[in-house]
mmCIF file of all heavy atoms, coordinates in Angstrom:
data_MODEL
# 
_entry.id   MODEL 
# 
loop_
_atom_site.group_PDB 
_atom_site.id 
_atom_site.type_symbol 
_atom_site.label_atom_id 
_atom_site.label_alt_id 
_atom_site.label_comp_id 
_atom_site.label_asym_id 
_atom_site.label_entity_id 
_atom_site.label_seq_id 
_atom_site.pdbx_PDB_ins_code 
_atom_site.Cartn_x 
_atom_site.Cartn_y 
_atom_site.Cartn_z 
_atom_site.occupancy 
_atom_site.B_iso_or_equiv 
_atom_site.pdbx_formal_charge 
_atom_site.auth_seq_id 
_atom_site.auth_comp_id 
_atom_site.auth_asym_id 
_atom_site.auth_atom_id 
_atom_site.pdbx_PDB_model_num 
ATOM 1   N N   . GLN A 1 1  ? -16.182 -3.625  6.167   1.00 0.00 ? 1  GLN A N   1 
ATOM 2   C CA  . GLN A 1 1  ? -15.105 -3.371  7.112   1.00 0.00 ? 1  GLN A CA  1 
ATOM 3   C C   . GLN A 1 1  ? -14.026 -2.511  6.474   1.00 0.00 ? 1  GLN A C   1 
ATOM 4   O O   . GLN A 1 1  ? -13.716 -2.655  5.293   1.00 0.00 ? 1  GLN A O   1 
ATOM 5   C CB  . GLN A 1 1  ? -14.514 -4.694  7.585   1.00 0.00 ? 1  GLN A CB  1 
ATOM 6   C CG  . GLN A 1 1  ? -13.523 -4.578  8.722   1.00 0.00 ? 1  GLN A CG  1 
ATOM 7   C CD  . GLN A 1 1  ? -13.085 -5.939  9.229   1.00 0.00 ? 1  GLN A CD  1 
ATOM 8   O OE1 . GLN A 1 1  ? -13.196 -6.941  8.528   1.00 0.00 ? 1  GLN A OE1 1 
ATOM 9   N NE2 . GLN A 1 1  ? -12.594 -5.979  10.459  1.00 0.00 ? 1  GLN A NE2 1 
ATOM 10  N N   . ARG A 1 2  ? -13.458 -1.621  7.261   1.00 0.00 ? 2  ARG A N   1 
ATOM 11  C CA  . ARG A 1 2  ? -12.343 -0.820  6.781   1.00 0.00 ? 2  ARG A CA  1 
ATOM 12  C C   . ARG A 1 2  ? -11.123 -1.711  6.555   1.00 0.00 ? 2  ARG A C   1 
ATOM 13  O O   . ARG A 1 2  ? -10.813 -2.577  7.375   1.00 0.00 ? 2  ARG A O   1 
ATOM 14  C CB  . ARG A 1 2  ? -12.023 0.281   7.790   1.00 0.00 ? 2  ARG A CB  1 
ATOM 15  C CG  . ARG A 1 2  ? -11.028 1.306   7.292   1.00 0.00 ? 2  ARG A CG  1 
ATOM 16  C CD  . ARG A 1 2  ? -10.892 2.472   8.281   1.00 0.00 ? 2  ARG A CD  1 
ATOM 17  N NE  . ARG A 1 2  ? -12.156 3.174   8.475   1.00 0.00 ? 2  ARG A NE  1 
ATOM 18  C CZ  . ARG A 1 2  ? -12.296 4.276   9.196   1.00 0.00 ? 2  ARG A CZ  1 
ATOM 19  N NH1 . ARG A 1 2  ? -11.242 4.816   9.790   1.00 0.00 ? 2  ARG A NH1 1 
ATOM 20  N NH2 . ARG A 1 2  ? -13.486 4.837   9.331   1.00 0.00 ? 2  ARG A NH2 1 
ATOM 21  N N   . GLU A 1 3  ? -10.437 -1.498  5.449   1.00 0.00 ? 3  GLU A N   1 
ATOM 22  C CA  . GLU A 1 3  ? -9.284  -2.313  5.116   1.00 0.00 ? 3  GLU A CA  1 
ATOM 23  C C   . GLU A 1 3  ? -8.084  -1.452  4.758   1.00 0.00 ? 3  GLU A C   1 
ATOM 24  O O   . GLU A 1 3  ? -8.222  -0.367  4.190   1.00 0.00 ? 3  GLU A O   1 
ATOM 25  C CB  . GLU A 1 3  ? -9.598  -3.262  3.945   1.00 0.00 ? 3  GLU A CB  1 
ATOM 26  C CG  . GLU A 1 3  ? -9.865  -2.564  2.625   1.00 0.00 ? 3  GLU A CG  1 
ATOM 27  C CD  . GLU A 1 3  ? -10.019 -3.520  1.455   1.00 0.00 ? 3  GLU A CD  1 
ATOM 28  O OE1 . GLU A 1 3  ? -9.705  -4.716  1.599   1.00 0.00 ? 3  GLU A OE1 1 
ATOM 29  O OE2 . GLU A 1 3  ? -10.459 -3.062  0.374   1.00 0.00 ? 3  GLU A OE2 1 
ATOM 30  N N   . LEU A 1 4  ? -6.920  -1.964  5.091   1.00 0.00 ? 4  LEU A N   1 
ATOM 31  C CA  . LEU A 1 4  ? -5.677  -1.322  4.681   1.00 0.00 ? 4  LEU A CA  1 
ATOM 32  C C   . LEU A 1 4  ? -5.483  -1.510  3.188   1.00 0.00 ? 4  LEU A C   1 
ATOM 33  O O   . LEU A 1 4  ? -5.628  -2.615  2.676   1.00 0.00 ? 4  LEU A O   1 
ATOM 34  C CB  . LEU A 1 4  ? -4.495  -1.921  5.438   1.00 0.00 ? 4  LEU A CB  1 
ATOM 35  C CG  . LEU A 1 4  ? -3.107  -1.435  5.011   1.00 0.00 ? 4  LEU A CG  1 
ATOM 36  C CD1 . LEU A 1 4  ? -2.910  0.029   5.379   1.00 0.00 ? 4  LEU A CD1 1 
ATOM 37  C CD2 . LEU A 1 4  ? -2.019  -2.293  5.640   1.00 0.00 ? 4  LEU A CD2 1 
ATOM 38  N N   . VAL A 1 5  ? -5.155  -0.442  2.498   1.00 0.00 ? 5  VAL A N   1 
ATOM 39  C CA  . VAL A 1 5  ? -4.880  -0.495  1.071   1.00 0.00 ? 5  VAL A CA  1 
ATOM 40  C C   . VAL A 1 5  ? -3.382  -0.554  0.823   1.00 0.00 ? 5  VAL A C   1 
ATOM 41  O O   . VAL A 1 5  ? -2.882  -1.437  0.125   1.00 0.00 ? 5  VAL A O   1 
ATOM 42  C CB  . VAL A 1 5  ? -5.494  0.710   0.335   1.00 0.00 ? 5  VAL A CB  1 
ATOM 43  C CG1 . VAL A 1 5  ? -5.139  0.667   -1.143  1.00 0.00 ? 5  VAL A CG1 1 
ATOM 44  C CG2 . VAL A 1 5  ? -6.994  0.751   0.534   1.00 0.00 ? 5  VAL A CG2 1 
ATOM 45  N N   . GLU A 1 6  ? -2.659  0.396   1.395   1.00 0.00 ? 6  GLU A N   1 
ATOM 46  C CA  . GLU A 1 6  ? -1.221  0.476   1.198   1.00 0.00 ? 6  GLU A CA  1 
ATOM 47  C C   . GLU A 1 6  ? -0.616  1.285   2.328   1.00 0.00 ? 6  GLU A C   1 
ATOM 48  O O   . GLU A 1 6  ? -1.232  2.216   2.840   1.00 0.00 ? 6  GLU A O   1 
ATOM 49  C CB  . GLU A 1 6  ? -0.899  1.109   -0.159  1.00 0.00 ? 6  GLU A CB  1 
ATOM 50  C CG  . GLU A 1 6  ? 0.493   0.817   -0.679  1.00 0.00 ? 6  GLU A CG  1 
ATOM 51  C CD  . GLU A 1 6  ? 0.629   0.992   -2.186  1.00 0.00 ? 6  GLU A CD  1 
ATOM 52  O OE1 . GLU A 1 6  ? -0.374  1.331   -2.850  1.00 0.00 ? 6  GLU A OE1 1 
ATOM 53  O OE2 . GLU A 1 6  ? 1.743   0.794   -2.703  1.00 0.00 ? 6  GLU A OE2 1 
ATOM 54  N N   . ALA A 1 7  ? 0.607   0.921   2.731   1.00 0.00 ? 7  ALA A N   1 
ATOM 55  C CA  . ALA A 1 7  ? 1.300   1.602   3.814   1.00 0.00 ? 7  ALA A CA  1 
ATOM 56  C C   . ALA A 1 7  ? 2.740   1.867   3.422   1.00 0.00 ? 7  ALA A C   1 
ATOM 57  O O   . ALA A 1 7  ? 3.306   1.175   2.567   1.00 0.00 ? 7  ALA A O   1 
ATOM 58  C CB  . ALA A 1 7  ? 1.244   0.775   5.096   1.00 0.00 ? 7  ALA A CB  1 
ATOM 59  N N   . ILE A 1 8  ? 3.334   2.852   4.076   1.00 0.00 ? 8  ILE A N   1 
ATOM 60  C CA  . ILE A 1 8  ? 4.706   3.231   3.783   1.00 0.00 ? 8  ILE A CA  1 
ATOM 61  C C   . ILE A 1 8  ? 5.405   3.643   5.071   1.00 0.00 ? 8  ILE A C   1 
ATOM 62  O O   . ILE A 1 8  ? 4.855   4.380   5.884   1.00 0.00 ? 8  ILE A O   1 
ATOM 63  C CB  . ILE A 1 8  ? 4.748   4.358   2.724   1.00 0.00 ? 8  ILE A CB  1 
ATOM 64  C CG1 . ILE A 1 8  ? 6.189   4.689   2.325   1.00 0.00 ? 8  ILE A CG1 1 
ATOM 65  C CG2 . ILE A 1 8  ? 4.002   5.600   3.220   1.00 0.00 ? 8  ILE A CG2 1 
ATOM 66  C CD1 . ILE A 1 8  ? 6.283   5.570   1.086   1.00 0.00 ? 8  ILE A CD1 1 
ATOM 67  N N   . THR A 1 9  ? 6.616   3.155   5.266   1.00 0.00 ? 9  THR A N   1 
ATOM 68  C CA  . THR A 1 9  ? 7.403   3.514   6.434   1.00 0.00 ? 9  THR A CA  1 
ATOM 69  C C   . THR A 1 9  ? 8.069   4.860   6.221   1.00 0.00 ? 9  THR A C   1 
ATOM 70  O O   . THR A 1 9  ? 8.088   5.413   5.126   1.00 0.00 ? 9  THR A O   1 
ATOM 71  C CB  . THR A 1 9  ? 8.486   2.468   6.728   1.00 0.00 ? 9  THR A CB  1 
ATOM 72  O OG1 . THR A 1 9  ? 9.482   2.512   5.696   1.00 0.00 ? 9  THR A OG1 1 
ATOM 73  C CG2 . THR A 1 9  ? 7.891   1.067   6.805   1.00 0.00 ? 9  THR A CG2 1 
ATOM 74  N N   . GLY A 1 10 ? 8.654   5.385   7.301   1.00 0.00 ? 10 GLY A N   1 
ATOM 75  C CA  . GLY A 1 10 ? 9.375   6.637   7.193   1.00 0.00 ? 10 GLY A CA  1 
ATOM 76  C C   . GLY A 1 10 ? 10.523  6.573   6.202   1.00 0.00 ? 10 GLY A C   1 
ATOM 77  O O   . GLY A 1 10 ? 10.863  7.578   5.580   1.00 0.00 ? 10 GLY A O   1 
ATOM 78  N N   . GLY A 1 11 ? 11.107  5.385   6.051   1.00 0.00 ? 11 GLY A N   1 
ATOM 79  C CA  . GLY A 1 11 ? 12.209  5.199   5.133   1.00 0.00 ? 11 GLY A CA  1 
ATOM 80  C C   . GLY A 1 11 ? 11.803  4.874   3.712   1.00 0.00 ? 11 GLY A C   1 
ATOM 81  O O   . GLY A 1 11 ? 12.674  4.756   2.847   1.00 0.00 ? 11 GLY A O   1 
ATOM 82  N N   . GLY A 1 12 ? 10.499  4.707   3.462   1.00 0.00 ? 12 GLY A N   1 
ATOM 83  C CA  . GLY A 1 12 ? 10.023  4.499   2.110   1.00 0.00 ? 12 GLY A CA  1 
ATOM 84  C C   . GLY A 1 12 ? 9.683   3.064   1.744   1.00 0.00 ? 12 GLY A C   1 
ATOM 85  O O   . GLY A 1 12 ? 9.323   2.800   0.592   1.00 0.00 ? 12 GLY A O   1 
ATOM 86  N N   . THR A 1 13 ? 9.776   2.129   2.674   1.00 0.00 ? 13 THR A N   1 
ATOM 87  C CA  . THR A 1 13 ? 9.359   0.757   2.415   1.00 0.00 ? 13 THR A CA  1 
ATOM 88  C C   . THR A 1 13 ? 7.839   0.678   2.359   1.00 0.00 ? 13 THR A C   1 
ATOM 89  O O   . THR A 1 13 ? 7.157   1.244   3.216   1.00 0.00 ? 13 THR A O   1 
ATOM 90  C CB  . THR A 1 13 ? 9.884   -0.190  3.492   1.00 0.00 ? 13 THR A CB  1 
ATOM 91  O OG1 . THR A 1 13 ? 11.310  -0.113  3.537   1.00 0.00 ? 13 THR A OG1 1 
ATOM 92  C CG2 . THR A 1 13 ? 9.467   -1.629  3.213   1.00 0.00 ? 13 THR A CG2 1 
ATOM 93  N N   . THR A 1 14 ? 7.299   -0.024  1.373   1.00 0.00 ? 14 THR A N   1 
ATOM 94  C CA  . THR A 1 14 ? 5.859   -0.068  1.169   1.00 0.00 ? 14 THR A CA  1 
ATOM 95  C C   . THR A 1 14 ? 5.324   -1.492  1.197   1.00 0.00 ? 14 THR A C   1 
ATOM 96  O O   . THR A 1 14 ? 6.057   -2.457  0.964   1.00 0.00 ? 14 THR A O   1 
ATOM 97  C CB  . THR A 1 14 ? 5.461   0.567   -0.168  1.00 0.00 ? 14 THR A CB  1 
ATOM 98  O OG1 . THR A 1 14 ? 6.048   -0.182  -1.245  1.00 0.00 ? 14 THR A OG1 1 
ATOM 99  C CG2 . THR A 1 14 ? 5.950   2.010   -0.244  1.00 0.00 ? 14 THR A CG2 1 
ATOM 100 N N   . ASN A 1 15 ? 4.040   -1.616  1.494   1.00 0.00 ? 15 ASN A N   1 
ATOM 101 C CA  . ASN A 1 15 ? 3.315   -2.852  1.288   1.00 0.00 ? 15 ASN A CA  1 
ATOM 102 C C   . ASN A 1 15 ? 1.897   -2.517  0.852   1.00 0.00 ? 15 ASN A C   1 
ATOM 103 O O   . ASN A 1 15 ? 1.440   -1.384  1.020   1.00 0.00 ? 15 ASN A O   1 
ATOM 104 C CB  . ASN A 1 15 ? 3.340   -3.771  2.515   1.00 0.00 ? 15 ASN A CB  1 
ATOM 105 C CG  . ASN A 1 15 ? 2.784   -3.123  3.763   1.00 0.00 ? 15 ASN A CG  1 
ATOM 106 O OD1 . ASN A 1 15 ? 1.664   -2.602  3.773   1.00 0.00 ? 15 ASN A OD1 1 
ATOM 107 N ND2 . ASN A 1 15 ? 3.562   -3.165  4.840   1.00 0.00 ? 15 ASN A ND2 1 
ATOM 108 N N   . TYR A 1 16 ? 1.198   -3.505  0.299   1.00 0.00 ? 16 TYR A N   1 
ATOM 109 C CA  . TYR A 1 16 ? -0.093  -3.244  -0.311  1.00 0.00 ? 16 TYR A CA  1 
ATOM 110 C C   . TYR A 1 16 ? -0.889  -4.533  -0.382  1.00 0.00 ? 16 TYR A C   1 
ATOM 111 O O   . TYR A 1 16 ? -0.335  -5.632  -0.300  1.00 0.00 ? 16 TYR A O   1 
ATOM 112 C CB  . TYR A 1 16 ? 0.087   -2.652  -1.713  1.00 0.00 ? 16 TYR A CB  1 
ATOM 113 C CG  . TYR A 1 16 ? 1.069   -3.428  -2.565  1.00 0.00 ? 16 TYR A CG  1 
ATOM 114 C CD1 . TYR A 1 16 ? 0.681   -4.560  -3.267  1.00 0.00 ? 16 TYR A CD1 1 
ATOM 115 C CD2 . TYR A 1 16 ? 2.402   -3.027  -2.645  1.00 0.00 ? 16 TYR A CD2 1 
ATOM 116 C CE1 . TYR A 1 16 ? 1.583   -5.279  -4.029  1.00 0.00 ? 16 TYR A CE1 1 
ATOM 117 C CE2 . TYR A 1 16 ? 3.312   -3.740  -3.405  1.00 0.00 ? 16 TYR A CE2 1 
ATOM 118 C CZ  . TYR A 1 16 ? 2.902   -4.861  -4.096  1.00 0.00 ? 16 TYR A CZ  1 
ATOM 119 O OH  . TYR A 1 16 ? 3.800   -5.574  -4.853  1.00 0.00 ? 16 TYR A OH  1 
ATOM 120 N N   . ILE A 1 17 ? -2.195  -4.407  -0.584  1.00 0.00 ? 17 ILE A N   1 
ATOM 121 C CA  . ILE A 1 17 ? -3.043  -5.570  -0.760  1.00 0.00 ? 17 ILE A CA  1 
ATOM 122 C C   . ILE A 1 17 ? -3.022  -5.994  -2.222  1.00 0.00 ? 17 ILE A C   1 
ATOM 123 O O   . ILE A 1 17 ? -2.795  -5.186  -3.127  1.00 0.00 ? 17 ILE A O   1 
ATOM 124 C CB  . ILE A 1 17 ? -4.482  -5.309  -0.288  1.00 0.00 ? 17 ILE A CB  1 
ATOM 125 C CG1 . ILE A 1 17 ? -5.095  -4.099  -0.998  1.00 0.00 ? 17 ILE A CG1 1 
ATOM 126 C CG2 . ILE A 1 17 ? -4.503  -5.123  1.218   1.00 0.00 ? 17 ILE A CG2 1 
ATOM 127 C CD1 . ILE A 1 17 ? -6.562  -3.872  -0.673  1.00 0.00 ? 17 ILE A CD1 1 
ATOM 128 N N   . ASP A 1 18 ? -3.281  -7.278  -2.447  1.00 0.00 ? 18 ASP A N   1 
ATOM 129 C CA  . ASP A 1 18 ? -3.163  -7.837  -3.787  1.00 0.00 ? 18 ASP A CA  1 
ATOM 130 C C   . ASP A 1 18 ? -4.107  -7.174  -4.787  1.00 0.00 ? 18 ASP A C   1 
ATOM 131 O O   . ASP A 1 18 ? -3.777  -7.057  -5.973  1.00 0.00 ? 18 ASP A O   1 
ATOM 132 C CB  . ASP A 1 18 ? -3.423  -9.341  -3.762  1.00 0.00 ? 18 ASP A CB  1 
ATOM 133 C CG  . ASP A 1 18 ? -2.300  -10.123 -3.124  1.00 0.00 ? 18 ASP A CG  1 
ATOM 134 O OD1 . ASP A 1 18 ? -1.173  -9.593  -3.027  1.00 0.00 ? 18 ASP A OD1 1 
ATOM 135 O OD2 . ASP A 1 18 ? -2.540  -11.280 -2.723  1.00 0.00 ? 18 ASP A OD2 1 
ATOM 136 N N   . SER A 1 19 ? -5.269  -6.744  -4.339  1.00 0.00 ? 19 SER A N   1 
ATOM 137 C CA  . SER A 1 19 ? -6.266  -6.197  -5.251  1.00 0.00 ? 19 SER A CA  1 
ATOM 138 C C   . SER A 1 19 ? -5.841  -4.879  -5.899  1.00 0.00 ? 19 SER A C   1 
ATOM 139 O O   . SER A 1 19 ? -6.421  -4.486  -6.913  1.00 0.00 ? 19 SER A O   1 
ATOM 140 C CB  . SER A 1 19 ? -7.606  -6.018  -4.539  1.00 0.00 ? 19 SER A CB  1 
ATOM 141 O OG  . SER A 1 19 ? -7.502  -5.088  -3.477  1.00 0.00 ? 19 SER A OG  1 
ATOM 142 N N   . VAL A 1 20 ? -4.846  -4.202  -5.336  1.00 0.00 ? 20 VAL A N   1 
ATOM 143 C CA  . VAL A 1 20 ? -4.394  -2.936  -5.917  1.00 0.00 ? 20 VAL A CA  1 
ATOM 144 C C   . VAL A 1 20 ? -3.001  -3.037  -6.523  1.00 0.00 ? 20 VAL A C   1 
ATOM 145 O O   . VAL A 1 20 ? -2.475  -2.038  -7.027  1.00 0.00 ? 20 VAL A O   1 
ATOM 146 C CB  . VAL A 1 20 ? -4.436  -1.783  -4.893  1.00 0.00 ? 20 VAL A CB  1 
ATOM 147 C CG1 . VAL A 1 20 ? -5.817  -1.674  -4.270  1.00 0.00 ? 20 VAL A CG1 1 
ATOM 148 C CG2 . VAL A 1 20 ? -3.370  -1.946  -3.822  1.00 0.00 ? 20 VAL A CG2 1 
ATOM 149 N N   . LYS A 1 21 ? -2.415  -4.216  -6.509  1.00 0.00 ? 21 LYS A N   1 
ATOM 150 C CA  . LYS A 1 21 ? -1.074  -4.405  -7.052  1.00 0.00 ? 21 LYS A CA  1 
ATOM 151 C C   . LYS A 1 21 ? -1.021  -3.977  -8.517  1.00 0.00 ? 21 LYS A C   1 
ATOM 152 O O   . LYS A 1 21 ? -1.858  -4.375  -9.322  1.00 0.00 ? 21 LYS A O   1 
ATOM 153 C CB  . LYS A 1 21 ? -0.653  -5.865  -6.924  1.00 0.00 ? 21 LYS A CB  1 
ATOM 154 C CG  . LYS A 1 21 ? 0.753   -6.150  -7.433  1.00 0.00 ? 21 LYS A CG  1 
ATOM 155 C CD  . LYS A 1 21 ? 1.102   -7.617  -7.284  1.00 0.00 ? 21 LYS A CD  1 
ATOM 156 C CE  . LYS A 1 21 ? 2.496   -7.920  -7.812  1.00 0.00 ? 21 LYS A CE  1 
ATOM 157 N NZ  . LYS A 1 21 ? 2.828   -9.359  -7.686  1.00 0.00 ? 21 LYS A NZ  1 
ATOM 158 N N   . GLY A 1 22 ? -0.036  -3.159  -8.842  1.00 0.00 ? 22 GLY A N   1 
ATOM 159 C CA  . GLY A 1 22 ? 0.123   -2.688  -10.200 1.00 0.00 ? 22 GLY A CA  1 
ATOM 160 C C   . GLY A 1 22 ? -0.765  -1.528  -10.573 1.00 0.00 ? 22 GLY A C   1 
ATOM 161 O O   . GLY A 1 22 ? -0.640  -0.989  -11.681 1.00 0.00 ? 22 GLY A O   1 
ATOM 162 N N   . ARG A 1 23 ? -1.659  -1.125  -9.671  1.00 0.00 ? 23 ARG A N   1 
ATOM 163 C CA  . ARG A 1 23 ? -2.586  -0.037  -9.972  1.00 0.00 ? 23 ARG A CA  1 
ATOM 164 C C   . ARG A 1 23 ? -2.405  1.161   -9.035  1.00 0.00 ? 23 ARG A C   1 
ATOM 165 O O   . ARG A 1 23 ? -2.501  2.303   -9.468  1.00 0.00 ? 23 ARG A O   1 
ATOM 166 C CB  . ARG A 1 23 ? -4.031  -0.512  -9.885  1.00 0.00 ? 23 ARG A CB  1 
ATOM 167 C CG  . ARG A 1 23 ? -4.368  -1.626  -10.865 1.00 0.00 ? 23 ARG A CG  1 
ATOM 168 C CD  . ARG A 1 23 ? -5.871  -1.892  -10.920 1.00 0.00 ? 23 ARG A CD  1 
ATOM 169 N NE  . ARG A 1 23 ? -6.406  -2.307  -9.624  1.00 0.00 ? 23 ARG A NE  1 
ATOM 170 C CZ  . ARG A 1 23 ? -7.333  -1.633  -8.946  1.00 0.00 ? 23 ARG A CZ  1 
ATOM 171 N NH1 . ARG A 1 23 ? -7.851  -0.515  -9.434  1.00 0.00 ? 23 ARG A NH1 1 
ATOM 172 N NH2 . ARG A 1 23 ? -7.778  -2.102  -7.777  1.00 0.00 ? 23 ARG A NH2 1 
ATOM 173 N N   . PHE A 1 24 ? -2.169  0.887   -7.753  1.00 0.00 ? 24 PHE A N   1 
ATOM 174 C CA  . PHE A 1 24 ? -2.037  1.947   -6.751  1.00 0.00 ? 24 PHE A CA  1 
ATOM 175 C C   . PHE A 1 24 ? -0.589  2.052   -6.288  1.00 0.00 ? 24 PHE A C   1 
ATOM 176 O O   . PHE A 1 24 ? 0.106   1.032   -6.149  1.00 0.00 ? 24 PHE A O   1 
ATOM 177 C CB  . PHE A 1 24 ? -2.900  1.657   -5.526  1.00 0.00 ? 24 PHE A CB  1 
ATOM 178 C CG  . PHE A 1 24 ? -4.385  1.744   -5.742  1.00 0.00 ? 24 PHE A CG  1 
ATOM 179 C CD1 . PHE A 1 24 ? -4.933  1.852   -7.011  1.00 0.00 ? 24 PHE A CD1 1 
ATOM 180 C CD2 . PHE A 1 24 ? -5.240  1.713   -4.651  1.00 0.00 ? 24 PHE A CD2 1 
ATOM 181 C CE1 . PHE A 1 24 ? -6.303  1.924   -7.201  1.00 0.00 ? 24 PHE A CE1 1 
ATOM 182 C CE2 . PHE A 1 24 ? -6.610  1.789   -4.819  1.00 0.00 ? 24 PHE A CE2 1 
ATOM 183 C CZ  . PHE A 1 24 ? -7.149  1.893   -6.095  1.00 0.00 ? 24 PHE A CZ  1 
ATOM 184 N N   . THR A 1 25 ? -0.152  3.263   -6.002  1.00 0.00 ? 25 THR A N   1 
ATOM 185 C CA  . THR A 1 25 ? 1.190   3.499   -5.498  1.00 0.00 ? 25 THR A CA  1 
ATOM 186 C C   . THR A 1 25 ? 1.155   4.531   -4.385  1.00 0.00 ? 25 THR A C   1 
ATOM 187 O O   . THR A 1 25 ? 0.665   5.642   -4.579  1.00 0.00 ? 25 THR A O   1 
ATOM 188 C CB  . THR A 1 25 ? 2.133   3.991   -6.607  1.00 0.00 ? 25 THR A CB  1 
ATOM 189 O OG1 . THR A 1 25 ? 2.165   3.047   -7.683  1.00 0.00 ? 25 THR A OG1 1 
ATOM 190 C CG2 . THR A 1 25 ? 3.546   4.164   -6.057  1.00 0.00 ? 25 THR A CG2 1 
ATOM 191 N N   . ILE A 1 26 ? 1.684   4.162   -3.226  1.00 0.00 ? 26 ILE A N   1 
ATOM 192 C CA  . ILE A 1 26 ? 1.795   5.097   -2.118  1.00 0.00 ? 26 ILE A CA  1 
ATOM 193 C C   . ILE A 1 26 ? 3.179   5.739   -2.145  1.00 0.00 ? 26 ILE A C   1 
ATOM 194 O O   . ILE A 1 26 ? 4.170   5.103   -2.518  1.00 0.00 ? 26 ILE A O   1 
ATOM 195 C CB  . ILE A 1 26 ? 1.534   4.401   -0.766  1.00 0.00 ? 26 ILE A CB  1 
ATOM 196 C CG1 . ILE A 1 26 ? 1.346   5.429   0.350   1.00 0.00 ? 26 ILE A CG1 1 
ATOM 197 C CG2 . ILE A 1 26 ? 2.647   3.423   -0.423  1.00 0.00 ? 26 ILE A CG2 1 
ATOM 198 C CD1 . ILE A 1 26 ? 0.860   4.818   1.663   1.00 0.00 ? 26 ILE A CD1 1 
ATOM 199 N N   . SER A 1 27 ? 3.240   6.992   -1.770  1.00 0.00 ? 27 SER A N   1 
ATOM 200 C CA  . SER A 1 27 ? 4.510   7.694   -1.678  1.00 0.00 ? 27 SER A CA  1 
ATOM 201 C C   . SER A 1 27 ? 4.402   8.762   -0.608  1.00 0.00 ? 27 SER A C   1 
ATOM 202 O O   . SER A 1 27 ? 3.306   9.084   -0.140  1.00 0.00 ? 27 SER A O   1 
ATOM 203 C CB  . SER A 1 27 ? 4.906   8.312   -3.025  1.00 0.00 ? 27 SER A CB  1 
ATOM 204 O OG  . SER A 1 27 ? 3.952   9.268   -3.444  1.00 0.00 ? 27 SER A OG  1 
# 
């Protein structure tokens, strides 16, 4: 299944899944 990895709002607020914490960064 397709899964969300990381998202970012227009203002720069981010969220991410636990499996990529500390490794992936969205900008």
